Amino acid sequence: MVMFLFLVVALAVVVAAVTLAVVGGGEGTGPLPEAAPERLYDPLPPDRPVDRGDIDGLRFPLAVRGYRMDDVDVALDRLAAELDEREARIADLESALAGARAAAHGPQDTGGDEAQEGGQ
């Protein structure tokens, strides 16, 4: 029974010593310093539109409970803005193309008038 108590006390001392060593106990030493949060070091390019390779290479750093929401929000806001710009540009180009096609085909009866004038 005495041996059992000695082993329990020895085990408690060892656990306490390991805990103090890990957490940072003793005089002059504090707890471990806070680790700097990981940041997105390879963001989307600011000087050109985002392409498929940029999206494929985009990796968000992990935080304690997953991804850093700020980094994800910034990237998603950027992608949404660029998609809106592209959609507006596509709509403008399609409108211009429709106008150009209408102008190229023009009114169909001008060709018939010229044929009648030439025949008189």
PDB file of N, CA and C in Angstrom:
ATOM      1  N   MET A   1       0.828  -1.188   0.000  1.00  0.00           N
ATOM      2  CA  MET A   1       0.000   0.000   0.000  1.00  0.00           C
ATOM      3  C   MET A   1       0.872   1.252   0.000  1.00  0.00           C
ATOM      4  N   VAL A   2       1.949   1.241   0.736  1.00  0.00           N
ATOM      5  CA  VAL A   2       2.856   2.378   0.791  1.00  0.00           C
ATOM      6  C   VAL A   2       3.516   2.563  -0.580  1.00  0.00           C
ATOM      7  N   MET A   3       3.848   1.462  -1.201  1.00  0.00           N
ATOM      8  CA  MET A   3       4.464   1.519  -2.523  1.00  0.00           C
ATOM      9  C   MET A   3       3.490   2.129  -3.539  1.00  0.00           C
ATOM     10  N   PHE A   4       2.216   1.793  -3.453  1.00  0.00           N
ATOM     11  CA  PHE A   4       1.206   2.336  -4.342  1.00  0.00           C
ATOM     12  C   PHE A   4       1.090   3.848  -4.162  1.00  0.00           C
ATOM     13  N   LEU A   5       1.042   4.319  -2.920  1.00  0.00           N
ATOM     14  CA  LEU A   5       0.980   5.749  -2.652  1.00  0.00           C
ATOM     15  C   LEU A   5       2.228   6.461  -3.171  1.00  0.00           C
ATOM     16  N   PHE A   6       3.374   5.858  -3.010  1.00  0.00           N
ATOM     17  CA  PHE A   6       4.613   6.447  -3.509  1.00  0.00           C
ATOM     18  C   PHE A   6       4.555   6.593  -5.037  1.00  0.00           C
ATOM     19  N   LEU A   7       4.054   5.583  -5.747  1.00  0.00           N
ATOM     20  CA  LEU A   7       3.957   5.640  -7.207  1.00  0.00           C
ATOM     21  C   LEU A   7       2.956   6.717  -7.662  1.00  0.00           C
ATOM     22  N   VAL A   8       1.843   6.857  -6.937  1.00  0.00           N
ATOM     23  CA  VAL A   8       0.850   7.875  -7.288  1.00  0.00           C
ATOM     24  C   VAL A   8       1.438   9.269  -7.099  1.00  0.00           C
ATOM     25  N   VAL A   9       2.141   9.488  -5.983  1.00  0.00           N
ATOM     26  CA  VAL A   9       2.751  10.796  -5.726  1.00  0.00           C
ATOM     27  C   VAL A   9       3.847  11.068  -6.756  1.00  0.00           C
ATOM     28  N   ALA A  10       4.658  10.079  -7.073  1.00  0.00           N
ATOM     29  CA  ALA A  10       5.719  10.250  -8.067  1.00  0.00           C
ATOM     30  C   ALA A  10       5.117  10.577  -9.441  1.00  0.00           C
ATOM     31  N   LEU A  11       4.054   9.904  -9.788  1.00  0.00           N
ATOM     32  CA  LEU A  11       3.384  10.167 -11.056  1.00  0.00           C
ATOM     33  C   LEU A  11       2.827  11.589 -11.085  1.00  0.00           C
ATOM     34  N   ALA A  12       2.239  12.051  -9.984  1.00  0.00           N
ATOM     35  CA  ALA A  12       1.702  13.405  -9.902  1.00  0.00           C
ATOM     36  C   ALA A  12       2.815  14.442 -10.051  1.00  0.00           C
ATOM     37  N   VAL A  13       3.973  14.173  -9.442  1.00  0.00           N
ATOM     38  CA  VAL A  13       5.108  15.094  -9.541  1.00  0.00           C
ATOM     39  C   VAL A  13       5.614  15.156 -10.981  1.00  0.00           C
ATOM     40  N   VAL A  14       5.701  14.030 -11.646  1.00  0.00           N
ATOM     41  CA  VAL A  14       6.169  13.989 -13.032  1.00  0.00           C
ATOM     42  C   VAL A  14       5.189  14.737 -13.945  1.00  0.00           C
ATOM     43  N   VAL A  15       3.897  14.498 -13.770  1.00  0.00           N
ATOM     44  CA  VAL A  15       2.895  15.189 -14.585  1.00  0.00           C
ATOM     45  C   VAL A  15       2.963  16.699 -14.345  1.00  0.00           C
ATOM     46  N   ALA A  16       3.108  17.123 -13.097  1.00  0.00           N
ATOM     47  CA  ALA A  16       3.205  18.549 -12.780  1.00  0.00           C
ATOM     48  C   ALA A  16       4.455  19.162 -13.407  1.00  0.00           C
ATOM     49  N   ALA A  17       5.574  18.453 -13.345  1.00  0.00           N
ATOM     50  CA  ALA A  17       6.815  18.967 -13.919  1.00  0.00           C
ATOM     51  C   ALA A  17       6.709  19.105 -15.443  1.00  0.00           C
ATOM     52  N   VAL A  18       6.131  18.122 -16.092  1.00  0.00           N
ATOM     53  CA  VAL A  18       5.962  18.194 -17.554  1.00  0.00           C
ATOM     54  C   VAL A  18       5.009  19.327 -17.917  1.00  0.00           C
ATOM     55  N   THR A  19       3.936  19.487 -17.170  1.00  0.00           N
ATOM     56  CA  THR A  19       2.979  20.559 -17.430  1.00  0.00           C
ATOM     57  C   THR A  19       3.639  21.920 -17.279  1.00  0.00           C
ATOM     58  N   LEU A  20       4.418  22.117 -16.232  1.00  0.00           N
ATOM     59  CA  LEU A  20       5.115  23.384 -16.031  1.00  0.00           C
ATOM     60  C   LEU A  20       6.134  23.641 -17.131  1.00  0.00           C
ATOM     61  N   ALA A  21       6.802  22.607 -17.570  1.00  0.00           N
ATOM     62  CA  ALA A  21       7.793  22.774 -18.638  1.00  0.00           C
ATOM     63  C   ALA A  21       7.127  23.180 -19.949  1.00  0.00           C
ATOM     64  N   VAL A  22       5.986  22.595 -20.253  1.00  0.00           N
ATOM     65  CA  VAL A  22       5.291  22.900 -21.496  1.00  0.00           C
ATOM     66  C   VAL A  22       4.630  24.266 -21.433  1.00  0.00           C
ATOM     67  N   VAL A  23       3.922  24.558 -20.355  1.00  0.00           N
ATOM     68  CA  VAL A  23       3.185  25.806 -20.231  1.00  0.00           C
ATOM     69  C   VAL A  23       4.117  26.967 -19.948  1.00  0.00           C
ATOM     70  N   GLY A  24       5.191  26.722 -19.305  1.00  0.00           N
ATOM     71  CA  GLY A  24       6.135  27.781 -18.993  1.00  0.00           C
ATOM     72  C   GLY A  24       6.017  28.218 -17.564  1.00  0.00           C
ATOM     73  N   GLY A  25       6.515  27.467 -16.680  1.00  0.00           N
ATOM     74  CA  GLY A  25       6.454  27.819 -15.264  1.00  0.00           C
ATOM     75  C   GLY A  25       7.836  28.229 -14.782  1.00  0.00           C
ATOM     76  N   GLY A  26       7.941  28.516 -13.532  1.00  0.00           N
ATOM     77  CA  GLY A  26       9.217  28.893 -12.954  1.00  0.00           C
ATOM     78  C   GLY A  26       9.386  30.395 -12.967  1.00  0.00           C
ATOM     79  N   GLU A  27      10.499  30.854 -12.423  1.00  0.00           N
ATOM     80  CA  GLU A  27      10.744  32.282 -12.315  1.00  0.00           C
ATOM     81  C   GLU A  27      11.343  32.827 -13.605  1.00  0.00           C
ATOM     82  N   GLY A  28      10.849  34.004 -14.015  1.00  0.00           N
ATOM     83  CA  GLY A  28      11.416  34.676 -15.174  1.00  0.00           C
ATOM     84  C   GLY A  28      10.896  34.164 -16.512  1.00  0.00           C
ATOM     85  N   THR A  29      10.134  33.123 -16.512  1.00  0.00           N
ATOM     86  CA  THR A  29       9.600  32.634 -17.783  1.00  0.00           C
ATOM     87  C   THR A  29       8.092  32.706 -17.728  1.00  0.00           C
ATOM     88  N   GLY A  30       7.514  33.190 -18.782  1.00  0.00           N
ATOM     89  CA  GLY A  30       6.059  33.281 -18.861  1.00  0.00           C
ATOM     90  C   GLY A  30       5.532  32.184 -19.763  1.00  0.00           C
ATOM     91  N   PRO A  31       4.276  32.270 -20.060  1.00  0.00           N
ATOM     92  CA  PRO A  31       3.706  31.282 -20.983  1.00  0.00           C
ATOM     93  C   PRO A  31       4.312  31.448 -22.372  1.00  0.00           C
ATOM     94  N   LEU A  32       4.105  30.476 -23.210  1.00  0.00           N
ATOM     95  CA  LEU A  32       4.640  30.537 -24.567  1.00  0.00           C
ATOM     96  C   LEU A  32       4.052  31.738 -25.293  1.00  0.00           C
ATOM     97  N   PRO A  33       4.846  32.398 -26.112  1.00  0.00           N
ATOM     98  CA  PRO A  33       4.318  33.567 -26.822  1.00  0.00           C
ATOM     99  C   PRO A  33       3.262  33.155 -27.838  1.00  0.00           C
ATOM    100  N   GLU A  34       2.359  34.095 -28.111  1.00  0.00           N
ATOM    101  CA  GLU A  34       1.319  33.850 -29.109  1.00  0.00           C
ATOM    102  C   GLU A  34       1.960  33.704 -30.482  1.00  0.00           C
ATOM    103  N   ALA A  35       1.514  32.730 -31.210  1.00  0.00           N
ATOM    104  CA  ALA A  35       2.001  32.562 -32.572  1.00  0.00           C
ATOM    105  C   ALA A  35       1.310  33.574 -33.468  1.00  0.00           C
ATOM    106  N   ALA A  36       2.071  34.140 -34.388  1.00  0.00           N
ATOM    107  CA  ALA A  36       1.479  35.091 -35.330  1.00  0.00           C
ATOM    108  C   ALA A  36       0.523  34.350 -36.245  1.00  0.00           C
ATOM    109  N   PRO A  37      -0.633  34.912 -36.490  1.00  0.00           N
ATOM    110  CA  PRO A  37      -1.596  34.220 -37.363  1.00  0.00           C
ATOM    111  C   PRO A  37      -1.061  34.142 -38.787  1.00  0.00           C
ATOM    112  N   GLU A  38      -1.371  33.047 -39.444  1.00  0.00           N
ATOM    113  CA  GLU A  38      -0.971  32.903 -40.835  1.00  0.00           C
ATOM    114  C   GLU A  38      -1.801  33.860 -41.673  1.00  0.00           C
ATOM    115  N   ARG A  39      -1.191  34.403 -42.690  1.00  0.00           N
ATOM    116  CA  ARG A  39      -1.891  35.303 -43.597  1.00  0.00           C
ATOM    117  C   ARG A  39      -1.778  34.759 -45.013  1.00  0.00           C
ATOM    118  N   LEU A  40      -2.623  35.231 -45.862  1.00  0.00           N
ATOM    119  CA  LEU A  40      -2.618  34.843 -47.258  1.00  0.00           C
ATOM    120  C   LEU A  40      -1.443  35.552 -47.928  1.00  0.00           C
ATOM    121  N   TYR A  41      -0.369  34.816 -48.235  1.00  0.00           N
ATOM    122  CA  TYR A  41       0.842  35.424 -48.778  1.00  0.00           C
ATOM    123  C   TYR A  41       0.839  35.481 -50.297  1.00  0.00           C
ATOM    124  N   ASP A  42      -0.028  34.755 -50.952  1.00  0.00           N
ATOM    125  CA  ASP A  42      -0.083  34.759 -52.401  1.00  0.00           C
ATOM    126  C   ASP A  42      -1.502  35.127 -52.822  1.00  0.00           C
ATOM    127  N   PRO A  43      -1.864  36.409 -52.638  1.00  0.00           N
ATOM    128  CA  PRO A  43      -3.245  36.791 -52.940  1.00  0.00           C
ATOM    129  C   PRO A  43      -3.497  36.826 -54.438  1.00  0.00           C
ATOM    130  N   LEU A  44      -4.704  37.129 -54.790  1.00  0.00           N
ATOM    131  CA  LEU A  44      -5.064  37.267 -56.199  1.00  0.00           C
ATOM    132  C   LEU A  44      -4.345  38.485 -56.777  1.00  0.00           C
ATOM    133  N   PRO A  45      -3.957  38.438 -58.042  1.00  0.00           N
ATOM    134  CA  PRO A  45      -3.186  39.543 -58.626  1.00  0.00           C
ATOM    135  C   PRO A  45      -4.006  40.836 -58.697  1.00  0.00           C
ATOM    136  N   PRO A  46      -3.453  41.942 -58.199  1.00  0.00           N
ATOM    137  CA  PRO A  46      -4.207  43.195 -58.197  1.00  0.00           C
ATOM    138  C   PRO A  46      -4.162  43.933 -59.530  1.00  0.00           C
ATOM    139  N   ASP A  47      -3.219  43.570 -60.410  1.00  0.00           N
ATOM    140  CA  ASP A  47      -2.987  44.351 -61.619  1.00  0.00           C
ATOM    141  C   ASP A  47      -3.574  43.750 -62.894  1.00  0.00           C
ATOM    142  N   ARG A  48      -4.274  42.629 -62.783  1.00  0.00           N
ATOM    143  CA  ARG A  48      -4.864  42.001 -63.960  1.00  0.00           C
ATOM    144  C   ARG A  48      -6.057  41.166 -63.528  1.00  0.00           C
ATOM    145  N   PRO A  49      -6.919  40.812 -64.490  1.00  0.00           N
ATOM    146  CA  PRO A  49      -8.065  39.972 -64.121  1.00  0.00           C
ATOM    147  C   PRO A  49      -7.632  38.595 -63.639  1.00  0.00           C
ATOM    148  N   VAL A  50      -8.438  38.029 -62.813  1.00  0.00           N
ATOM    149  CA  VAL A  50      -8.167  36.701 -62.269  1.00  0.00           C
ATOM    150  C   VAL A  50      -8.434  35.666 -63.353  1.00  0.00           C
ATOM    151  N   ASP A  51      -7.533  34.684 -63.472  1.00  0.00           N
ATOM    152  CA  ASP A  51      -7.783  33.609 -64.423  1.00  0.00           C
ATOM    153  C   ASP A  51      -7.875  32.278 -63.676  1.00  0.00           C
ATOM    154  N   ARG A  52      -8.115  31.229 -64.426  1.00  0.00           N
ATOM    155  CA  ARG A  52      -8.324  29.903 -63.826  1.00  0.00           C
ATOM    156  C   ARG A  52      -7.118  29.451 -63.007  1.00  0.00           C
ATOM    157  N   GLY A  53      -5.918  29.736 -63.484  1.00  0.00           N
ATOM    158  CA  GLY A  53      -4.705  29.352 -62.753  1.00  0.00           C
ATOM    159  C   GLY A  53      -4.603  30.027 -61.397  1.00  0.00           C
ATOM    160  N   ASP A  54      -5.058  31.275 -61.324  1.00  0.00           N
ATOM    161  CA  ASP A  54      -5.042  31.984 -60.043  1.00  0.00           C
ATOM    162  C   ASP A  54      -5.962  31.303 -59.043  1.00  0.00           C
ATOM    163  N   ILE A  55      -7.134  30.910 -59.523  1.00  0.00           N
ATOM    164  CA  ILE A  55      -8.098  30.257 -58.634  1.00  0.00           C
ATOM    165  C   ILE A  55      -7.585  28.882 -58.221  1.00  0.00           C
ATOM    166  N   ASP A  56      -7.014  28.141 -59.183  1.00  0.00           N
ATOM    167  CA  ASP A  56      -6.489  26.810 -58.855  1.00  0.00           C
ATOM    168  C   ASP A  56      -5.353  26.887 -57.847  1.00  0.00           C
ATOM    169  N   GLY A  57      -4.552  27.956 -57.911  1.00  0.00           N
ATOM    170  CA  GLY A  57      -3.414  28.093 -57.003  1.00  0.00           C
ATOM    171  C   GLY A  57      -3.744  28.763 -55.682  1.00  0.00           C
ATOM    172  N   LEU A  58      -4.960  29.228 -55.519  1.00  0.00           N
ATOM    173  CA  LEU A  58      -5.344  29.940 -54.302  1.00  0.00           C
ATOM    174  C   LEU A  58      -5.493  28.959 -53.142  1.00  0.00           C
ATOM    175  N   ARG A  59      -4.725  29.162 -52.107  1.00  0.00           N
ATOM    176  CA  ARG A  59      -4.804  28.330 -50.908  1.00  0.00           C
ATOM    177  C   ARG A  59      -4.895  29.241 -49.698  1.00  0.00           C
ATOM    178  N   PHE A  60      -5.926  29.052 -48.917  1.00  0.00           N
ATOM    179  CA  PHE A  60      -6.119  29.861 -47.728  1.00  0.00           C
ATOM    180  C   PHE A  60      -5.400  29.221 -46.551  1.00  0.00           C
ATOM    181  N   PRO A  61      -4.693  30.029 -45.745  1.00  0.00           N
ATOM    182  CA  PRO A  61      -4.026  29.468 -44.571  1.00  0.00           C
ATOM    183  C   PRO A  61      -5.051  29.015 -43.535  1.00  0.00           C
ATOM    184  N   LEU A  62      -4.702  27.976 -42.826  1.00  0.00           N
ATOM    185  CA  LEU A  62      -5.599  27.453 -41.800  1.00  0.00           C
ATOM    186  C   LEU A  62      -5.454  28.241 -40.514  1.00  0.00           C
ATOM    187  N   ALA A  63      -6.551  28.499 -39.871  1.00  0.00           N
ATOM    188  CA  ALA A  63      -6.563  29.132 -38.561  1.00  0.00           C
ATOM    189  C   ALA A  63      -6.932  28.048 -37.547  1.00  0.00           C
ATOM    190  N   VAL A  64      -7.140  28.457 -36.319  1.00  0.00           N
ATOM    191  CA  VAL A  64      -7.418  27.493 -35.267  1.00  0.00           C
ATOM    192  C   VAL A  64      -8.653  26.660 -35.596  1.00  0.00           C
ATOM    193  N   ARG A  65      -9.684  27.316 -36.114  1.00  0.00           N
ATOM    194  CA  ARG A  65     -10.922  26.594 -36.404  1.00  0.00           C
ATOM    195  C   ARG A  65     -11.239  26.619 -37.887  1.00  0.00           C
ATOM    196  N   GLY A  66     -10.260  26.430 -38.726  1.00  0.00           N
ATOM    197  CA  GLY A  66     -10.504  26.393 -40.161  1.00  0.00           C
ATOM    198  C   GLY A  66      -9.784  27.523 -40.861  1.00  0.00           C
ATOM    199  N   TYR A  67     -10.397  28.085 -41.892  1.00  0.00           N
ATOM    200  CA  TYR A  67      -9.800  29.170 -42.649  1.00  0.00           C
ATOM    201  C   TYR A  67     -10.064  30.500 -41.978  1.00  0.00           C
ATOM    202  N   ARG A  68      -9.200  31.469 -42.272  1.00  0.00           N
ATOM    203  CA  ARG A  68      -9.418  32.822 -41.761  1.00  0.00           C
ATOM    204  C   ARG A  68     -10.539  33.448 -42.582  1.00  0.00           C
ATOM    205  N   MET A  69     -11.612  33.793 -41.925  1.00  0.00           N
ATOM    206  CA  MET A  69     -12.785  34.298 -42.625  1.00  0.00           C
ATOM    207  C   MET A  69     -12.486  35.595 -43.372  1.00  0.00           C
ATOM    208  N   ASP A  70     -11.622  36.451 -42.842  1.00  0.00           N
ATOM    209  CA  ASP A  70     -11.299  37.708 -43.514  1.00  0.00           C
ATOM    210  C   ASP A  70     -10.657  37.458 -44.871  1.00  0.00           C
ATOM    211  N   ASP A  71      -9.715  36.509 -44.931  1.00  0.00           N
ATOM    212  CA  ASP A  71      -9.044  36.201 -46.194  1.00  0.00           C
ATOM    213  C   ASP A  71     -10.026  35.641 -47.210  1.00  0.00           C
ATOM    214  N   VAL A  72     -10.890  34.768 -46.765  1.00  0.00           N
ATOM    215  CA  VAL A  72     -11.875  34.167 -47.665  1.00  0.00           C
ATOM    216  C   VAL A  72     -12.850  35.241 -48.157  1.00  0.00           C
ATOM    217  N   ASP A  73     -13.300  36.125 -47.265  1.00  0.00           N
ATOM    218  CA  ASP A  73     -14.228  37.180 -47.656  1.00  0.00           C
ATOM    219  C   ASP A  73     -13.608  38.120 -48.683  1.00  0.00           C
ATOM    220  N   VAL A  74     -12.344  38.492 -48.486  1.00  0.00           N
ATOM    221  CA  VAL A  74     -11.678  39.388 -49.428  1.00  0.00           C
ATOM    222  C   VAL A  74     -11.576  38.727 -50.806  1.00  0.00           C
ATOM    223  N   ALA A  75     -11.165  37.467 -50.835  1.00  0.00           N
ATOM    224  CA  ALA A  75     -11.031  36.774 -52.115  1.00  0.00           C
ATOM    225  C   ALA A  75     -12.384  36.614 -52.803  1.00  0.00           C
ATOM    226  N   LEU A  76     -13.413  36.264 -52.061  1.00  0.00           N
ATOM    227  CA  LEU A  76     -14.731  36.087 -52.658  1.00  0.00           C
ATOM    228  C   LEU A  76     -15.317  37.410 -53.145  1.00  0.00           C
ATOM    229  N   ASP A  77     -15.079  38.485 -52.394  1.00  0.00           N
ATOM    230  CA  ASP A  77     -15.545  39.803 -52.838  1.00  0.00           C
ATOM    231  C   ASP A  77     -14.860  40.201 -54.144  1.00  0.00           C
ATOM    232  N   ARG A  78     -13.562  39.933 -54.227  1.00  0.00           N
ATOM    233  CA  ARG A  78     -12.811  40.258 -55.451  1.00  0.00           C
ATOM    234  C   ARG A  78     -13.342  39.453 -56.629  1.00  0.00           C
ATOM    235  N   LEU A  79     -13.549  38.168 -56.435  1.00  0.00           N
ATOM    236  CA  LEU A  79     -14.061  37.326 -57.520  1.00  0.00           C
ATOM    237  C   LEU A  79     -15.458  37.759 -57.950  1.00  0.00           C
ATOM    238  N   ALA A  80     -16.304  38.097 -57.002  1.00  0.00           N
ATOM    239  CA  ALA A  80     -17.657  38.530 -57.325  1.00  0.00           C
ATOM    240  C   ALA A  80     -17.634  39.829 -58.121  1.00  0.00           C
ATOM    241  N   ALA A  81     -16.777  40.775 -57.740  1.00  0.00           N
ATOM    242  CA  ALA A  81     -16.684  42.042 -58.468  1.00  0.00           C
ATOM    243  C   ALA A  81     -16.190  41.820 -59.890  1.00  0.00           C
ATOM    244  N   GLU A  82     -15.194  40.958 -60.047  1.00  0.00           N
ATOM    245  CA  GLU A  82     -14.689  40.689 -61.395  1.00  0.00           C
ATOM    246  C   GLU A  82     -15.720  39.959 -62.243  1.00  0.00           C
ATOM    247  N   LEU A  83     -16.467  39.061 -61.653  1.00  0.00           N
ATOM    248  CA  LEU A  83     -17.519  38.382 -62.409  1.00  0.00           C
ATOM    249  C   LEU A  83     -18.595  39.374 -62.844  1.00  0.00           C
ATOM    250  N   ASP A  84     -18.954  40.324 -61.973  1.00  0.00           N
ATOM    251  CA  ASP A  84     -19.929  41.350 -62.341  1.00  0.00           C
ATOM    252  C   ASP A  84     -19.419  42.196 -63.511  1.00  0.00           C
ATOM    253  N   GLU A  85     -18.127  42.577 -63.450  1.00  0.00           N
ATOM    254  CA  GLU A  85     -17.541  43.357 -64.538  1.00  0.00           C
ATOM    255  C   GLU A  85     -17.559  42.573 -65.847  1.00  0.00           C
ATOM    256  N   ARG A  86     -17.223  41.299 -65.784  1.00  0.00           N
ATOM    257  CA  ARG A  86     -17.213  40.473 -66.996  1.00  0.00           C
ATOM    258  C   ARG A  86     -18.617  40.294 -67.555  1.00  0.00           C
ATOM    259  N   GLU A  87     -19.581  40.096 -66.691  1.00  0.00           N
ATOM    260  CA  GLU A  87     -20.958  39.952 -67.158  1.00  0.00           C
ATOM    261  C   GLU A  87     -21.429  41.234 -67.844  1.00  0.00           C
ATOM    262  N   ALA A  88     -21.105  42.387 -67.273  1.00  0.00           N
ATOM    263  CA  ALA A  88     -21.490  43.661 -67.877  1.00  0.00           C
ATOM    264  C   ALA A  88     -20.780  43.850 -69.218  1.00  0.00           C
ATOM    265  N   ARG A  89     -19.512  43.489 -69.278  1.00  0.00           N
ATOM    266  CA  ARG A  89     -18.745  43.613 -70.533  1.00  0.00           C
ATOM    267  C   ARG A  89     -19.309  42.681 -71.601  1.00  0.00           C
ATOM    268  N   ILE A  90     -19.659  41.474 -71.231  1.00  0.00           N
ATOM    269  CA  ILE A  90     -20.251  40.528 -72.184  1.00  0.00           C
ATOM    270  C   ILE A  90     -21.582  41.071 -72.706  1.00  0.00           C
ATOM    271  N   ALA A  91     -22.401  41.619 -71.810  1.00  0.00           N
ATOM    272  CA  ALA A  91     -23.685  42.184 -72.234  1.00  0.00           C
ATOM    273  C   ALA A  91     -23.469  43.347 -73.202  1.00  0.00           C
ATOM    274  N   ASP A  92     -22.479  44.224 -72.929  1.00  0.00           N
ATOM    275  CA  ASP A  92     -22.174  45.335 -73.830  1.00  0.00           C
ATOM    276  C   ASP A  92     -21.713  44.825 -75.191  1.00  0.00           C
ATOM    277  N   LEU A  93     -20.836  43.836 -75.198  1.00  0.00           N
ATOM    278  CA  LEU A  93     -20.324  43.300 -76.456  1.00  0.00           C
ATOM    279  C   LEU A  93     -21.422  42.611 -77.263  1.00  0.00           C
ATOM    280  N   GLU A  94     -22.302  41.877 -76.576  1.00  0.00           N
ATOM    281  CA  GLU A  94     -23.404  41.232 -77.285  1.00  0.00           C
ATOM    282  C   GLU A  94     -24.354  42.266 -77.877  1.00  0.00           C
ATOM    283  N   SER A  95     -24.595  43.346 -77.162  1.00  0.00           N
ATOM    284  CA  SER A  95     -25.445  44.422 -77.671  1.00  0.00           C
ATOM    285  C   SER A  95     -24.798  45.087 -78.883  1.00  0.00           C
ATOM    286  N   ALA A  96     -23.504  45.360 -78.800  1.00  0.00           N
ATOM    287  CA  ALA A  96     -22.793  45.964 -79.918  1.00  0.00           C
ATOM    288  C   ALA A  96     -22.782  45.029 -81.130  1.00  0.00           C
ATOM    289  N   LEU A  97     -22.597  43.742 -80.888  1.00  0.00           N
ATOM    290  CA  LEU A  97     -22.602  42.772 -81.979  1.00  0.00           C
ATOM    291  C   LEU A  97     -23.964  42.708 -82.650  1.00  0.00           C
ATOM    292  N   ALA A  98     -25.022  42.730 -81.859  1.00  0.00           N
ATOM    293  CA  ALA A  98     -26.372  42.712 -82.430  1.00  0.00           C
ATOM    294  C   ALA A  98     -26.606  43.967 -83.263  1.00  0.00           C
ATOM    295  N   GLY A  99     -26.135  45.121 -82.799  1.00  0.00           N
ATOM    296  CA  GLY A  99     -26.263  46.363 -83.552  1.00  0.00           C
ATOM    297  C   GLY A  99     -25.467  46.323 -84.846  1.00  0.00           C
ATOM    298  N   ALA A 100     -24.269  45.779 -84.793  1.00  0.00           N
ATOM    299  CA  ALA A 100     -23.427  45.672 -85.990  1.00  0.00           C
ATOM    300  C   ALA A 100     -24.048  44.727 -87.004  1.00  0.00           C
ATOM    301  N   ARG A 101     -24.604  43.631 -86.528  1.00  0.00           N
ATOM    302  CA  ARG A 101     -25.252  42.685 -87.447  1.00  0.00           C
ATOM    303  C   ARG A 101     -26.472  43.329 -88.102  1.00  0.00           C
ATOM    304  N   ALA A 102     -27.244  44.087 -87.343  1.00  0.00           N
ATOM    305  CA  ALA A 102     -28.429  44.763 -87.894  1.00  0.00           C
ATOM    306  C   ALA A 102     -28.009  45.801 -88.922  1.00  0.00           C
ATOM    307  N   ALA A 103     -26.927  46.520 -88.658  1.00  0.00           N
ATOM    308  CA  ALA A 103     -26.449  47.538 -89.592  1.00  0.00           C
ATOM    309  C   ALA A 103     -25.881  46.891 -90.861  1.00  0.00           C
ATOM    310  N   ALA A 104     -25.226  45.763 -90.715  1.00  0.00           N
ATOM    311  CA  ALA A 104     -24.632  45.081 -91.869  1.00  0.00           C
ATOM    312  C   ALA A 104     -25.706  44.520 -92.779  1.00  0.00           C
ATOM    313  N   HIS A 105     -26.765  44.016 -92.226  1.00  0.00           N
ATOM    314  CA  HIS A 105     -27.829  43.443 -93.045  1.00  0.00           C
ATOM    315  C   HIS A 105     -28.745  44.534 -93.581  1.00  0.00           C
ATOM    316  N   GLY A 106     -28.866  45.644 -92.875  1.00  0.00           N
ATOM    317  CA  GLY A 106     -29.615  46.818 -93.300  1.00  0.00           C
ATOM    318  C   GLY A 106     -31.009  46.493 -93.809  1.00  0.00           C
ATOM    319  N   PRO A 107     -31.650  47.507 -94.338  1.00  0.00           N
ATOM    320  CA  PRO A 107     -32.983  47.277 -94.919  1.00  0.00           C
ATOM    321  C   PRO A 107     -32.853  46.430 -96.183  1.00  0.00           C
ATOM    322  N   GLN A 108     -33.724  45.484 -96.363  1.00  0.00           N
ATOM    323  CA  GLN A 108     -33.646  44.534 -97.466  1.00  0.00           C
ATOM    324  C   GLN A 108     -34.162  45.100 -98.784  1.00  0.00           C
ATOM    325  N   ASP A 109     -35.012  46.179 -98.805  1.00  0.00           N
ATOM    326  CA  ASP A 109     -35.589  46.631-100.045  1.00  0.00           C
ATOM    327  C   ASP A 109     -34.695  47.565-100.850  1.00  0.00           C
ATOM    328  N   THR A 110     -33.537  47.990-100.371  1.00  0.00           N
ATOM    329  CA  THR A 110     -32.677  48.867-101.160  1.00  0.00           C
ATOM    330  C   THR A 110     -32.124  48.143-102.369  1.00  0.00           C
ATOM    331  N   GLY A 111     -31.867  46.887-102.274  1.00  0.00           N
ATOM    332  CA  GLY A 111     -31.329  46.135-103.407  1.00  0.00           C
ATOM    333  C   GLY A 111     -32.365  46.017-104.512  1.00  0.00           C
ATOM    334  N   GLY A 112     -33.621  45.879-104.181  1.00  0.00           N
ATOM    335  CA  GLY A 112     -34.685  45.741-105.169  1.00  0.00           C
ATOM    336  C   GLY A 112     -34.930  47.055-105.910  1.00  0.00           C
ATOM    337  N   ASP A 113     -34.811  48.189-105.245  1.00  0.00           N
ATOM    338  CA  ASP A 113     -35.011  49.495-105.875  1.00  0.00           C
ATOM    339  C   ASP A 113     -33.951  49.743-106.938  1.00  0.00           C
ATOM    340  N   GLU A 114     -32.712  49.365-106.647  1.00  0.00           N
ATOM    341  CA  GLU A 114     -31.618  49.575-107.600  1.00  0.00           C
ATOM    342  C   GLU A 114     -31.834  48.717-108.844  1.00  0.00           C
ATOM    343  N   ALA A 115     -32.355  47.530-108.691  1.00  0.00           N
ATOM    344  CA  ALA A 115     -32.590  46.655-109.840  1.00  0.00           C
ATOM    345  C   ALA A 115     -33.679  47.226-110.725  1.00  0.00           C
ATOM    346  N   GLN A 116     -34.700  47.841-110.116  1.00  0.00           N
ATOM    347  CA  GLN A 116     -35.797  48.420-110.899  1.00  0.00           C
ATOM    348  C   GLN A 116     -35.327  49.663-111.662  1.00  0.00           C
ATOM    349  N   GLU A 117     -34.471  50.481-111.003  1.00  0.00           N
ATOM    350  CA  GLU A 117     -33.990  51.698-111.659  1.00  0.00           C
ATOM    351  C   GLU A 117     -33.108  51.366-112.850  1.00  0.00           C
ATOM    352  N   GLY A 118     -32.315  50.320-112.705  1.00  0.00           N
ATOM    353  CA  GLY A 118     -31.409  49.915-113.787  1.00  0.00           C
ATOM    354  C   GLY A 118     -32.186  49.374-114.965  1.00  0.00           C
ATOM    355  N   GLY A 119     -33.366  48.824-114.764  1.00  0.00           N
ATOM    356  CA  GLY A 119     -34.147  48.223-115.824  1.00  0.00           C
ATOM    357  C   GLY A 119     -34.949  49.252-116.608  1.00  0.00           C
ATOM    358  N   GLN A 120     -35.125  50.461-116.143  1.00  0.00           N
ATOM    359  CA  GLN A 120     -35.968  51.457-116.836  1.00  0.00           C
ATOM    360  C   GLN A 120     -35.235  52.216-117.837  1.00  0.00           C
TER     361      GLN A 120
END
